[in-house]
Each structure stands twice: as C-alpha cells, then as structure tokens.
PDB file of all heavy atoms in Angstrom:
ATOM      1  N   GLU A   1      -1.339  -1.490  -6.770  1.00  0.00           N
ATOM      2  CA  GLU A   1      -1.927  -0.168  -6.962  1.00  0.00           C
ATOM      3  C   GLU A   1      -0.843   0.870  -7.273  1.00  0.00           C
ATOM      4  O   GLU A   1      -1.000   1.702  -8.182  1.00  0.00           O
ATOM      5  CB  GLU A   1      -2.687   0.250  -5.699  1.00  0.00           C
ATOM      6  CG  GLU A   1      -3.951  -0.554  -5.435  1.00  0.00           C
ATOM      7  CD  GLU A   1      -4.620  -0.136  -4.138  1.00  0.00           C
ATOM      8  OE1 GLU A   1      -4.041   0.706  -3.415  1.00  0.00           O
ATOM      9  OE2 GLU A   1      -5.718  -0.646  -3.853  1.00  0.00           O
ATOM     10  N   ALA A   2       0.251   0.844  -6.513  1.00  0.00           N
ATOM     11  CA  ALA A   2       1.340   1.799  -6.735  1.00  0.00           C
ATOM     12  C   ALA A   2       1.940   1.626  -8.119  1.00  0.00           C
ATOM     13  O   ALA A   2       2.271   2.609  -8.797  1.00  0.00           O
ATOM     14  CB  ALA A   2       2.406   1.625  -5.657  1.00  0.00           C
ATOM     15  N   ALA A   3       2.093   0.365  -8.558  1.00  0.00           N
ATOM     16  CA  ALA A   3       2.653   0.103  -9.876  1.00  0.00           C
ATOM     17  C   ALA A   3       1.734   0.611 -10.974  1.00  0.00           C
ATOM     18  O   ALA A   3       2.200   1.125 -12.003  1.00  0.00           O
ATOM     19  CB  ALA A   3       2.899  -1.396 -10.044  1.00  0.00           C
ATOM     20  N   LYS A   4       0.437   0.486 -10.773  1.00  0.00           N
ATOM     21  CA  LYS A   4      -0.514   1.001 -11.764  1.00  0.00           C
ATOM     22  C   LYS A   4      -0.403   2.515 -11.897  1.00  0.00           C
ATOM     23  O   LYS A   4      -0.396   3.056 -13.004  1.00  0.00           O
ATOM     24  CB  LYS A   4      -1.947   0.611 -11.384  1.00  0.00           C
ATOM     25  CG  LYS A   4      -2.286  -0.846 -11.592  1.00  0.00           C
ATOM     26  CD  LYS A   4      -3.741  -1.109 -11.211  1.00  0.00           C
ATOM     27  CE  LYS A   4      -4.142  -2.549 -11.468  1.00  0.00           C
ATOM     28  NZ  LYS A   4      -5.560  -2.797 -11.086  1.00  0.00           N
ATOM     29  N   VAL A   5      -0.304   3.200 -10.763  1.00  0.00           N
ATOM     30  CA  VAL A   5      -0.139   4.653 -10.805  1.00  0.00           C
ATOM     31  C   VAL A   5       1.175   5.011 -11.491  1.00  0.00           C
ATOM     32  O   VAL A   5       1.236   5.939 -12.320  1.00  0.00           O
ATOM     33  CB  VAL A   5      -0.189   5.251  -9.387  1.00  0.00           C
ATOM     34  CG1 VAL A   5       0.134   6.749  -9.429  1.00  0.00           C
ATOM     35  CG2 VAL A   5      -1.561   5.025  -8.761  1.00  0.00           C
ATOM     36  N   ALA A   6       2.244   4.277 -11.170  1.00  0.00           N
ATOM     37  CA  ALA A   6       3.548   4.550 -11.786  1.00  0.00           C
ATOM     38  C   ALA A   6       3.483   4.376 -13.297  1.00  0.00           C
ATOM     39  O   ALA A   6       4.026   5.192 -14.054  1.00  0.00           O
ATOM     40  CB  ALA A   6       4.608   3.633 -11.191  1.00  0.00           C
ATOM     41  N   ALA A   7       2.826   3.302 -13.749  1.00  0.00           N
ATOM     42  CA  ALA A   7       2.695   3.081 -15.186  1.00  0.00           C
ATOM     43  C   ALA A   7       1.859   4.173 -15.828  1.00  0.00           C
ATOM     44  O   ALA A   7       2.112   4.583 -16.975  1.00  0.00           O
ATOM     45  CB  ALA A   7       2.078   1.705 -15.445  1.00  0.00           C
ATOM     46  N   ALA A   8       0.852   4.673 -15.107  1.00  0.00           N
ATOM     47  CA  ALA A   8       0.034   5.772 -15.623  1.00  0.00           C
ATOM     48  C   ALA A   8       0.836   7.063 -15.683  1.00  0.00           C
ATOM     49  O   ALA A   8       0.715   7.849 -16.632  1.00  0.00           O
ATOM     50  CB  ALA A   8      -1.201   5.958 -14.735  1.00  0.00           C
ATOM     51  N   VAL A   9       1.672   7.290 -14.678  1.00  0.00           N
ATOM     52  CA  VAL A   9       2.533   8.474 -14.658  1.00  0.00           C
ATOM     53  C   VAL A   9       3.474   8.484 -15.850  1.00  0.00           C
ATOM     54  O   VAL A   9       3.740   9.538 -16.452  1.00  0.00           O
ATOM     55  CB  VAL A   9       3.313   8.525 -13.325  1.00  0.00           C
ATOM     56  CG1 VAL A   9       4.522   9.444 -13.428  1.00  0.00           C
ATOM     57  CG2 VAL A   9       2.397   8.978 -12.191  1.00  0.00           C
ATOM     58  N   LYS A  10       3.964   7.308 -16.226  1.00  0.00           N
ATOM     59  CA  LYS A  10       4.890   7.228 -17.357  1.00  0.00           C
ATOM     60  C   LYS A  10       4.252   7.741 -18.647  1.00  0.00           C
ATOM     61  O   LYS A  10       4.954   8.225 -19.534  1.00  0.00           O
ATOM     62  CB  LYS A  10       5.372   5.791 -17.549  1.00  0.00           C
ATOM     63  CG  LYS A  10       6.353   5.331 -16.485  1.00  0.00           C
ATOM     64  CD  LYS A  10       7.001   4.005 -16.830  1.00  0.00           C
ATOM     65  CE  LYS A  10       6.007   2.871 -16.821  1.00  0.00           C
ATOM     66  NZ  LYS A  10       6.672   1.553 -16.951  1.00  0.00           N
ATOM     67  N   LEU A  11       2.935   7.630 -18.751  1.00  0.00           N
ATOM     68  CA  LEU A  11       2.250   8.111 -19.949  1.00  0.00           C
ATOM     69  C   LEU A  11       2.350   9.627 -20.083  1.00  0.00           C
ATOM     70  O   LEU A  11       2.191  10.165 -21.177  1.00  0.00           O
ATOM     71  CB  LEU A  11       0.772   7.699 -19.915  1.00  0.00           C
ATOM     72  CG  LEU A  11       0.486   6.202 -19.875  1.00  0.00           C
ATOM     73  CD1 LEU A  11      -1.017   5.947 -19.777  1.00  0.00           C
ATOM     74  CD2 LEU A  11       1.066   5.509 -21.105  1.00  0.00           C
ATOM     75  N   GLN A  12       2.619  10.307 -18.974  1.00  0.00           N
ATOM     76  CA  GLN A  12       2.728  11.766 -18.988  1.00  0.00           C
ATOM     77  C   GLN A  12       4.164  12.252 -19.153  1.00  0.00           C
ATOM     78  O   GLN A  12       4.397  13.452 -19.265  1.00  0.00           O
ATOM     79  CB  GLN A  12       2.153  12.340 -17.692  1.00  0.00           C
ATOM     80  CG  GLN A  12       0.691  12.027 -17.450  1.00  0.00           C
ATOM     81  CD  GLN A  12       0.171  12.694 -16.185  1.00  0.00           C
ATOM     82  OE1 GLN A  12       0.518  13.836 -15.864  1.00  0.00           O
ATOM     83  NE2 GLN A  12      -0.682  11.987 -15.442  1.00  0.00           N
ATOM     84  N   ASP A  13       5.120  11.346 -19.150  1.00  0.00           N
ATOM     85  CA  ASP A  13       6.523  11.774 -19.205  1.00  0.00           C
ATOM     86  C   ASP A  13       7.381  10.705 -19.853  1.00  0.00           C
ATOM     87  O   ASP A  13       7.931   9.838 -19.175  1.00  0.00           O
ATOM     88  CB  ASP A  13       7.041  12.077 -17.799  1.00  0.00           C
ATOM     89  CG  ASP A  13       8.504  12.487 -17.799  1.00  0.00           C
ATOM     90  OD1 ASP A  13       8.967  13.047 -18.812  1.00  0.00           O
ATOM     91  OD2 ASP A  13       9.192  12.226 -16.804  1.00  0.00           O
ATOM     92  N   LYS A  14       7.519  10.761 -21.148  1.00  0.00           N
ATOM     93  CA  LYS A  14       8.342   9.776 -21.854  1.00  0.00           C
ATOM     94  C   LYS A  14       9.838  10.054 -21.699  1.00  0.00           C
ATOM     95  O   LYS A  14      10.666   9.197 -21.991  1.00  0.00           O
ATOM     96  CB  LYS A  14       7.971   9.770 -23.343  1.00  0.00           C
ATOM     97  CG  LYS A  14       6.595   9.215 -23.626  1.00  0.00           C
ATOM     98  CD  LYS A  14       6.482   7.769 -23.217  1.00  0.00           C
ATOM     99  CE  LYS A  14       5.134   7.178 -23.569  1.00  0.00           C
ATOM    100  NZ  LYS A  14       4.989   5.771 -23.138  1.00  0.00           N
ATOM    101  N   THR A  15      10.200  11.255 -21.227  1.00  0.00           N
ATOM    102  CA  THR A  15      11.626  11.572 -21.076  1.00  0.00           C
ATOM    103  C   THR A  15      12.218  10.908 -19.835  1.00  0.00           C
ATOM    104  O   THR A  15      13.424  10.671 -19.780  1.00  0.00           O
ATOM    105  CB  THR A  15      11.844  13.091 -20.963  1.00  0.00           C
ATOM    106  OG1 THR A  15      11.277  13.564 -19.725  1.00  0.00           O
ATOM    107  CG2 THR A  15      11.177  13.826 -22.137  1.00  0.00           C
ATOM    108  N   GLY A  16      11.381  10.651 -18.837  1.00  0.00           N
ATOM    109  CA  GLY A  16      11.865  10.003 -17.629  1.00  0.00           C
ATOM    110  C   GLY A  16      12.351  10.950 -16.556  1.00  0.00           C
ATOM    111  O   GLY A  16      12.602  10.527 -15.426  1.00  0.00           O
ATOM    112  N   LYS A  17      12.478  12.237 -16.850  1.00  0.00           N
ATOM    113  CA  LYS A  17      13.042  13.172 -15.877  1.00  0.00           C
ATOM    114  C   LYS A  17      12.098  13.366 -14.690  1.00  0.00           C
ATOM    115  O   LYS A  17      12.496  13.221 -13.532  1.00  0.00           O
ATOM    116  CB  LYS A  17      13.352  14.501 -16.549  1.00  0.00           C
ATOM    117  CG  LYS A  17      14.462  14.406 -17.594  1.00  0.00           C
ATOM    118  CD  LYS A  17      14.729  15.756 -18.245  1.00  0.00           C
ATOM    119  CE  LYS A  17      15.827  15.644 -19.302  1.00  0.00           C
ATOM    120  NZ  LYS A  17      16.086  16.936 -19.976  1.00  0.00           N
ATOM    121  N   LYS A  18      10.861  13.699 -14.973  1.00  0.00           N
ATOM    122  CA  LYS A  18       9.892  13.876 -13.891  1.00  0.00           C
ATOM    123  C   LYS A  18       9.530  12.519 -13.269  1.00  0.00           C
ATOM    124  O   LYS A  18       9.268  12.435 -12.069  1.00  0.00           O
ATOM    125  CB  LYS A  18       8.632  14.572 -14.413  1.00  0.00           C
ATOM    126  CG  LYS A  18       8.826  16.040 -14.716  1.00  0.00           C
ATOM    127  CD  LYS A  18       7.573  16.640 -15.335  1.00  0.00           C
ATOM    128  CE  LYS A  18       6.390  16.591 -14.376  1.00  0.00           C
ATOM    129  NZ  LYS A  18       5.183  17.236 -14.958  1.00  0.00           N
ATOM    130  N   TYR A  19       9.511  11.492 -14.089  1.00  0.00           N
ATOM    131  CA  TYR A  19       9.169  10.157 -13.581  1.00  0.00           C
ATOM    132  C   TYR A  19      10.150   9.721 -12.497  1.00  0.00           C
ATOM    133  O   TYR A  19       9.748   9.155 -11.478  1.00  0.00           O
ATOM    134  CB  TYR A  19       9.159   9.135 -14.715  1.00  0.00           C
ATOM    135  CG  TYR A  19       8.986   7.713 -14.209  1.00  0.00           C
ATOM    136  CD1 TYR A  19       7.725   7.198 -13.947  1.00  0.00           C
ATOM    137  CD2 TYR A  19      10.098   6.908 -13.960  1.00  0.00           C
ATOM    138  CE1 TYR A  19       7.563   5.906 -13.447  1.00  0.00           C
ATOM    139  CE2 TYR A  19       9.950   5.619 -13.466  1.00  0.00           C
ATOM    140  CZ  TYR A  19       8.688   5.123 -13.218  1.00  0.00           C
ATOM    141  OH  TYR A  19       8.541   3.848 -12.715  1.00  0.00           O
ATOM    142  N   PHE A  20      11.440   9.972 -12.708  1.00  0.00           N
ATOM    143  CA  PHE A  20      12.432   9.533 -11.717  1.00  0.00           C
ATOM    144  C   PHE A  20      12.253  10.286 -10.409  1.00  0.00           C
ATOM    145  O   PHE A  20      12.476   9.729  -9.331  1.00  0.00           O
ATOM    146  CB  PHE A  20      13.848   9.707 -12.256  1.00  0.00           C
ATOM    147  CG  PHE A  20      14.894   8.986 -11.452  1.00  0.00           C
ATOM    148  CD1 PHE A  20      14.772   7.635 -11.187  1.00  0.00           C
ATOM    149  CD2 PHE A  20      15.997   9.659 -10.950  1.00  0.00           C
ATOM    150  CE1 PHE A  20      15.720   6.956 -10.435  1.00  0.00           C
ATOM    151  CE2 PHE A  20      16.960   8.990 -10.205  1.00  0.00           C
ATOM    152  CZ  PHE A  20      16.817   7.637  -9.942  1.00  0.00           C
ATOM    153  N   ASP A  21      11.824  11.548 -10.475  1.00  0.00           N
ATOM    154  CA  ASP A  21      11.513  12.303  -9.264  1.00  0.00           C
ATOM    155  C   ASP A  21      10.358  11.625  -8.526  1.00  0.00           C
ATOM    156  O   ASP A  21      10.426  11.388  -7.311  1.00  0.00           O
ATOM    157  CB  ASP A  21      11.156  13.736  -9.635  1.00  0.00           C
ATOM    158  CG  ASP A  21      10.851  14.588  -8.409  1.00  0.00           C
ATOM    159  OD1 ASP A  21      11.321  14.248  -7.305  1.00  0.00           O
ATOM    160  OD2 ASP A  21      10.131  15.589  -8.564  1.00  0.00           O
ATOM    161  N   PHE A  22       9.299  11.291  -9.257  1.00  0.00           N
ATOM    162  CA  PHE A  22       8.164  10.569  -8.674  1.00  0.00           C
ATOM    163  C   PHE A  22       8.619   9.237  -8.079  1.00  0.00           C
ATOM    164  O   PHE A  22       8.231   8.875  -6.961  1.00  0.00           O
ATOM    165  CB  PHE A  22       7.114  10.336  -9.762  1.00  0.00           C
ATOM    166  CG  PHE A  22       6.180   9.188  -9.474  1.00  0.00           C
ATOM    167  CD1 PHE A  22       5.087   9.339  -8.638  1.00  0.00           C
ATOM    168  CD2 PHE A  22       6.414   7.937 -10.052  1.00  0.00           C
ATOM    169  CE1 PHE A  22       4.232   8.264  -8.373  1.00  0.00           C
ATOM    170  CE2 PHE A  22       5.571   6.867  -9.791  1.00  0.00           C
ATOM    171  CZ  PHE A  22       4.476   7.026  -8.939  1.00  0.00           C
ATOM    172  N   HIS A  23       9.418   8.505  -8.829  1.00  0.00           N
ATOM    173  CA  HIS A  23       9.901   7.186  -8.417  1.00  0.00           C
ATOM    174  C   HIS A  23      10.634   7.273  -7.079  1.00  0.00           C
ATOM    175  O   HIS A  23      10.386   6.463  -6.168  1.00  0.00           O
ATOM    176  CB  HIS A  23      10.835   6.648  -9.501  1.00  0.00           C
ATOM    177  CG  HIS A  23      11.520   5.365  -9.149  1.00  0.00           C
ATOM    178  ND1 HIS A  23      10.889   4.144  -9.176  1.00  0.00           N
ATOM    179  CD2 HIS A  23      12.809   5.108  -8.757  1.00  0.00           C
ATOM    180  CE1 HIS A  23      11.733   3.186  -8.831  1.00  0.00           C
ATOM    181  NE2 HIS A  23      12.902   3.744  -8.562  1.00  0.00           N
ATOM    182  N   GLN A  24      11.504   8.250  -6.935  1.00  0.00           N
ATOM    183  CA  GLN A  24      12.267   8.394  -5.694  1.00  0.00           C
ATOM    184  C   GLN A  24      11.358   8.791  -4.526  1.00  0.00           C
ATOM    185  O   GLN A  24      11.510   8.286  -3.412  1.00  0.00           O
ATOM    186  CB  GLN A  24      13.369   9.434  -5.883  1.00  0.00           C
ATOM    187  CG  GLN A  24      14.440   9.002  -6.875  1.00  0.00           C
ATOM    188  CD  GLN A  24      15.424  10.120  -7.183  1.00  0.00           C
ATOM    189  OE1 GLN A  24      16.493  10.202  -6.578  1.00  0.00           O
ATOM    190  NE2 GLN A  24      15.068  10.991  -8.110  1.00  0.00           N
ATOM    191  N   ARG A  25      10.424   9.692  -4.795  1.00  0.00           N
ATOM    192  CA  ARG A  25       9.507  10.129  -3.743  1.00  0.00           C
ATOM    193  C   ARG A  25       8.680   8.952  -3.206  1.00  0.00           C
ATOM    194  O   ARG A  25       8.531   8.775  -1.989  1.00  0.00           O
ATOM    195  CB  ARG A  25       8.567  11.211  -4.265  1.00  0.00           C
ATOM    196  CG  ARG A  25       9.228  12.549  -4.545  1.00  0.00           C
ATOM    197  CD  ARG A  25       8.238  13.511  -5.188  1.00  0.00           C
ATOM    198  NE  ARG A  25       8.866  14.764  -5.554  1.00  0.00           N
ATOM    199  CZ  ARG A  25       8.987  15.825  -4.760  1.00  0.00           C
ATOM    200  NH1 ARG A  25       8.484  15.757  -3.509  1.00  0.00           N
ATOM    201  NH2 ARG A  25       9.570  16.920  -5.162  1.00  0.00           N
ATOM    202  N   LEU A  26       8.144   8.151  -4.123  1.00  0.00           N
ATOM    203  CA  LEU A  26       7.281   7.044  -3.701  1.00  0.00           C
ATOM    204  C   LEU A  26       8.085   5.928  -3.046  1.00  0.00           C
ATOM    205  O   LEU A  26       7.683   5.378  -2.015  1.00  0.00           O
ATOM    206  CB  LEU A  26       6.507   6.505  -4.909  1.00  0.00           C
ATOM    207  CG  LEU A  26       5.534   5.359  -4.623  1.00  0.00           C
ATOM    208  CD1 LEU A  26       4.545   5.725  -3.527  1.00  0.00           C
ATOM    209  CD2 LEU A  26       4.800   4.960  -5.898  1.00  0.00           C
ATOM    210  N   LEU A  27       9.236   5.606  -3.634  1.00  0.00           N
ATOM    211  CA  LEU A  27      10.032   4.505  -3.101  1.00  0.00           C
ATOM    212  C   LEU A  27      10.553   4.808  -1.704  1.00  0.00           C
ATOM    213  O   LEU A  27      10.629   3.923  -0.850  1.00  0.00           O
ATOM    214  CB  LEU A  27      11.196   4.196  -4.051  1.00  0.00           C
ATOM    215  CG  LEU A  27      12.014   2.940  -3.755  1.00  0.00           C
ATOM    216  CD1 LEU A  27      11.128   1.692  -3.744  1.00  0.00           C
ATOM    217  CD2 LEU A  27      13.121   2.769  -4.788  1.00  0.00           C
ATOM    218  N   MET A  28      10.903   6.057  -1.456  1.00  0.00           N
ATOM    219  CA  MET A  28      11.485   6.424  -0.164  1.00  0.00           C
ATOM    220  C   MET A  28      10.467   7.001   0.803  1.00  0.00           C
ATOM    221  O   MET A  28      10.818   7.448   1.892  1.00  0.00           O
ATOM    222  CB  MET A  28      12.628   7.431  -0.375  1.00  0.00           C
ATOM    223  CG  MET A  28      13.776   6.882  -1.199  1.00  0.00           C
ATOM    224  SD  MET A  28      14.390   5.276  -0.594  1.00  0.00           S
ATOM    225  CE  MET A  28      15.021   5.745   1.025  1.00  0.00           C
ATOM    226  N   GLY A  29       9.181   6.981   0.431  1.00  0.00           N
ATOM    227  CA  GLY A  29       8.154   7.493   1.320  1.00  0.00           C
ATOM    228  C   GLY A  29       7.952   6.604   2.528  1.00  0.00           C
ATOM    229  O   GLY A  29       8.277   5.412   2.516  1.00  0.00           O
ATOM    230  N   ARG A  30       7.376   7.155   3.558  1.00  0.00           N
ATOM    231  CA  ARG A  30       7.122   6.401   4.782  1.00  0.00           C
ATOM    232  C   ARG A  30       5.867   5.546   4.634  1.00  0.00           C
ATOM    233  O   ARG A  30       4.930   5.912   3.933  1.00  0.00           O
ATOM    234  CB  ARG A  30       6.950   7.354   5.968  1.00  0.00           C
ATOM    235  CG  ARG A  30       8.224   8.087   6.347  1.00  0.00           C
ATOM    236  CD  ARG A  30       7.990   8.934   7.592  1.00  0.00           C
ATOM    237  NE  ARG A  30       9.211   9.604   8.026  1.00  0.00           N
ATOM    238  CZ  ARG A  30       9.292  10.399   9.097  1.00  0.00           C
ATOM    239  NH1 ARG A  30       8.205  10.603   9.837  1.00  0.00           N
ATOM    240  NH2 ARG A  30      10.432  10.970   9.418  1.00  0.00           N
ATOM    241  N   GLY A  31       5.874   4.415   5.304  1.00  0.00           N
ATOM    242  CA  GLY A  31       4.710   3.553   5.279  1.00  0.00           C
ATOM    243  C   GLY A  31       4.609   2.745   4.001  1.00  0.00           C
ATOM    244  O   GLY A  31       5.468   2.815   3.114  1.00  0.00           O
ATOM    245  N   GLN A  32       3.528   1.979   3.919  1.00  0.00           N
ATOM    246  CA  GLN A  32       3.305   1.107   2.775  1.00  0.00           C
ATOM    247  C   GLN A  32       2.816   1.908   1.573  1.00  0.00           C
ATOM    248  O   GLN A  32       1.899   2.723   1.692  1.00  0.00           O
ATOM    249  CB  GLN A  32       2.276   0.033   3.133  1.00  0.00           C
ATOM    250  CG  GLN A  32       2.798  -1.003   4.102  1.00  0.00           C
ATOM    251  CD  GLN A  32       3.852  -1.894   3.471  1.00  0.00           C
ATOM    252  OE1 GLN A  32       3.609  -2.560   2.479  1.00  0.00           O
ATOM    253  NE2 GLN A  32       5.032  -1.915   4.051  1.00  0.00           N
ATOM    254  N   ALA A  33       3.431   1.670   0.430  1.00  0.00           N
ATOM    255  CA  ALA A  33       2.991   2.322  -0.802  1.00  0.00           C
ATOM    256  C   ALA A  33       1.669   1.729  -1.253  1.00  0.00           C
ATOM    257  O   ALA A  33       1.453   0.521  -1.177  1.00  0.00           O
ATOM    258  CB  ALA A  33       4.046   2.150  -1.895  1.00  0.00           C
ATOM    259  N   ASP A  34       0.771   2.586  -1.708  1.00  0.00           N
ATOM    260  CA  ASP A  34      -0.510   2.153  -2.241  1.00  0.00           C
ATOM    261  C   ASP A  34      -1.006   3.225  -3.210  1.00  0.00           C
ATOM    262  O   ASP A  34      -0.244   4.139  -3.571  1.00  0.00           O
ATOM    263  CB  ASP A  34      -1.521   1.893  -1.121  1.00  0.00           C
ATOM    264  CG  ASP A  34      -1.708   3.101  -0.200  1.00  0.00           C
ATOM    265  OD1 ASP A  34      -1.306   4.218  -0.573  1.00  0.00           O
ATOM    266  OD2 ASP A  34      -2.277   2.919   0.896  1.00  0.00           O
ATOM    267  N   LYS A  35      -2.244   3.134  -3.606  1.00  0.00           N
ATOM    268  CA  LYS A  35      -2.791   4.095  -4.560  1.00  0.00           C
ATOM    269  C   LYS A  35      -2.696   5.524  -4.036  1.00  0.00           C
ATOM    270  O   LYS A  35      -2.232   6.430  -4.741  1.00  0.00           O
ATOM    271  CB  LYS A  35      -4.242   3.735  -4.875  1.00  0.00           C
ATOM    272  CG  LYS A  35      -4.947   4.737  -5.778  1.00  0.00           C
ATOM    273  CD  LYS A  35      -6.410   4.334  -5.986  1.00  0.00           C
ATOM    274  CE  LYS A  35      -7.168   5.390  -6.763  1.00  0.00           C
ATOM    275  NZ  LYS A  35      -8.593   5.014  -6.966  1.00  0.00           N
ATOM    276  N   ALA A  36      -3.120   5.743  -2.814  1.00  0.00           N
ATOM    277  CA  ALA A  36      -3.119   7.103  -2.255  1.00  0.00           C
ATOM    278  C   ALA A  36      -1.713   7.669  -2.172  1.00  0.00           C
ATOM    279  O   ALA A  36      -1.474   8.830  -2.551  1.00  0.00           O
ATOM    280  CB  ALA A  36      -3.781   7.087  -0.875  1.00  0.00           C
ATOM    281  N   LYS A  37      -0.765   6.859  -1.680  1.00  0.00           N
ATOM    282  CA  LYS A  37       0.617   7.332  -1.561  1.00  0.00           C
ATOM    283  C   LYS A  37       1.195   7.627  -2.957  1.00  0.00           C
ATOM    284  O   LYS A  37       1.932   8.604  -3.142  1.00  0.00           O
ATOM    285  CB  LYS A  37       1.478   6.273  -0.860  1.00  0.00           C
ATOM    286  CG  LYS A  37       1.107   6.034   0.598  1.00  0.00           C
ATOM    287  CD  LYS A  37       1.692   7.107   1.480  1.00  0.00           C
ATOM    288  CE  LYS A  37       1.352   6.850   2.959  1.00  0.00           C
ATOM    289  NZ  LYS A  37       1.936   5.617   3.476  1.00  0.00           N
ATOM    290  N   ALA A  38       0.866   6.783  -3.918  1.00  0.00           N
ATOM    291  CA  ALA A  38       1.410   6.965  -5.265  1.00  0.00           C
ATOM    292  C   ALA A  38       0.840   8.217  -5.924  1.00  0.00           C
ATOM    293  O   ALA A  38       1.575   8.976  -6.568  1.00  0.00           O
ATOM    294  CB  ALA A  38       1.110   5.732  -6.113  1.00  0.00           C
ATOM    295  N   LEU A  39      -0.447   8.444  -5.763  1.00  0.00           N
ATOM    296  CA  LEU A  39      -1.051   9.644  -6.351  1.00  0.00           C
ATOM    297  C   LEU A  39      -0.509  10.905  -5.685  1.00  0.00           C
ATOM    298  O   LEU A  39      -0.284  11.928  -6.349  1.00  0.00           O
ATOM    299  CB  LEU A  39      -2.566   9.582  -6.218  1.00  0.00           C
ATOM    300  CG  LEU A  39      -3.267   8.547  -7.110  1.00  0.00           C
ATOM    301  CD1 LEU A  39      -4.746   8.465  -6.782  1.00  0.00           C
ATOM    302  CD2 LEU A  39      -3.064   8.891  -8.596  1.00  0.00           C
ATOM    303  N   ALA A  40      -0.266  10.849  -4.383  1.00  0.00           N
ATOM    304  CA  ALA A  40       0.317  11.999  -3.682  1.00  0.00           C
ATOM    305  C   ALA A  40       1.725  12.282  -4.193  1.00  0.00           C
ATOM    306  O   ALA A  40       2.101  13.447  -4.412  1.00  0.00           O
ATOM    307  CB  ALA A  40       0.334  11.730  -2.178  1.00  0.00           C
ATOM    308  N   ALA A  41       2.517  11.209  -4.391  1.00  0.00           N
ATOM    309  CA  ALA A  41       3.875  11.384  -4.923  1.00  0.00           C
ATOM    310  C   ALA A  41       3.834  11.948  -6.337  1.00  0.00           C
ATOM    311  O   ALA A  41       4.675  12.780  -6.719  1.00  0.00           O
ATOM    312  CB  ALA A  41       4.620  10.052  -4.903  1.00  0.00           C
ATOM    313  N   ALA A  42       2.857  11.512  -7.127  1.00  0.00           N
ATOM    314  CA  ALA A  42       2.716  12.019  -8.500  1.00  0.00           C
ATOM    315  C   ALA A  42       2.419  13.519  -8.480  1.00  0.00           C
ATOM    316  O   ALA A  42       3.000  14.295  -9.265  1.00  0.00           O
ATOM    317  CB  ALA A  42       1.606  11.263  -9.223  1.00  0.00           C
ATOM    318  N   LYS A  43       1.528  13.930  -7.601  1.00  0.00           N
ATOM    319  CA  LYS A  43       1.194  15.355  -7.503  1.00  0.00           C
ATOM    320  C   LYS A  43       2.395  16.168  -7.060  1.00  0.00           C
ATOM    321  O   LYS A  43       2.675  17.245  -7.608  1.00  0.00           O
ATOM    322  CB  LYS A  43       0.038  15.531  -6.530  1.00  0.00           C
ATOM    323  CG  LYS A  43      -0.468  16.963  -6.441  1.00  0.00           C
ATOM    324  CD  LYS A  43      -1.683  17.046  -5.533  1.00  0.00           C
ATOM    325  CE  LYS A  43      -2.216  18.478  -5.468  1.00  0.00           C
ATOM    326  NZ  LYS A  43      -3.424  18.571  -4.588  1.00  0.00           N
ATOM    327  N   GLU A  44       3.139  15.655  -6.071  1.00  0.00           N
ATOM    328  CA  GLU A  44       4.324  16.362  -5.585  1.00  0.00           C
ATOM    329  C   GLU A  44       5.384  16.506  -6.671  1.00  0.00           C
ATOM    330  O   GLU A  44       6.141  17.485  -6.684  1.00  0.00           O
ATOM    331  CB  GLU A  44       4.912  15.617  -4.390  1.00  0.00           C
ATOM    332  CG  GLU A  44       4.043  15.673  -3.140  1.00  0.00           C
ATOM    333  CD  GLU A  44       4.550  14.743  -2.059  1.00  0.00           C
ATOM    334  OE1 GLU A  44       5.580  14.074  -2.285  1.00  0.00           O
ATOM    335  OE2 GLU A  44       3.915  14.665  -0.984  1.00  0.00           O
ATOM    336  N   ALA A  45       5.445  15.533  -7.577  1.00  0.00           N
ATOM    337  CA  ALA A  45       6.444  15.573  -8.652  1.00  0.00           C
ATOM    338  C   ALA A  45       5.980  16.394  -9.853  1.00  0.00           C
ATOM    339  O   ALA A  45       6.706  16.495 -10.844  1.00  0.00           O
ATOM    340  CB  ALA A  45       6.771  14.153  -9.097  1.00  0.00           C
TER     341      ALA A  45
END
C-alpha cells in the first residue's frame, strides 16, 4: 500500500525534490507504513 502511494506521489513531482521529502517522512515515521501513513506523509510534504 505504501509503495502504491509513493508511486502515485511520483506522478505529481517528476523533479524528485518534494518526493524525497515525502520519502524521508514515510521511511522514518513511527509504526508500520501503510496506506494511511503514506497518505499522511504525502499531505505533510
């Protein structure tokens, strides 16, 4: 689920700048990553 959200996020940012912010937020977040955690990280980024 997290990977699907990440791949969807990439569609909004081909430069990678905002994506890497999202990537760090989700990877270093607490608990198990899933759809909800990934969407929250996307919004925060």
